[in-house]
């Protein structure tokens, strides 16, 4: 059984928003995204896509990064990750043949 993560508070979400906006701004300026910031893998991957397109990052890439971050805040990214992990675990238990 997977332990549920304690609920985040509004202060935690505000801190994450500030971190995301700062990392996005740095990424748009050409600095690679920082890691170990509390942003999840989906959000970091979207920020790397923005950086890889520098100096021509499209509005669509920036919006994709914002959507990924929204998924972090609302729990959607984590829920999808848990569902994918569960599906892989079930697939791994199927008899072969």
Foldseek 3Di string as FASTA:
>chain_A
DDDDDDDDDPVVVVQVVVLLVVQLVCLQVQDQGDPPSPQDPQLNVLSNVQNVCPPNRDPVSVVSSVVSRVCVVVVVVVVVVVVVVVVVVVVVPDDDD
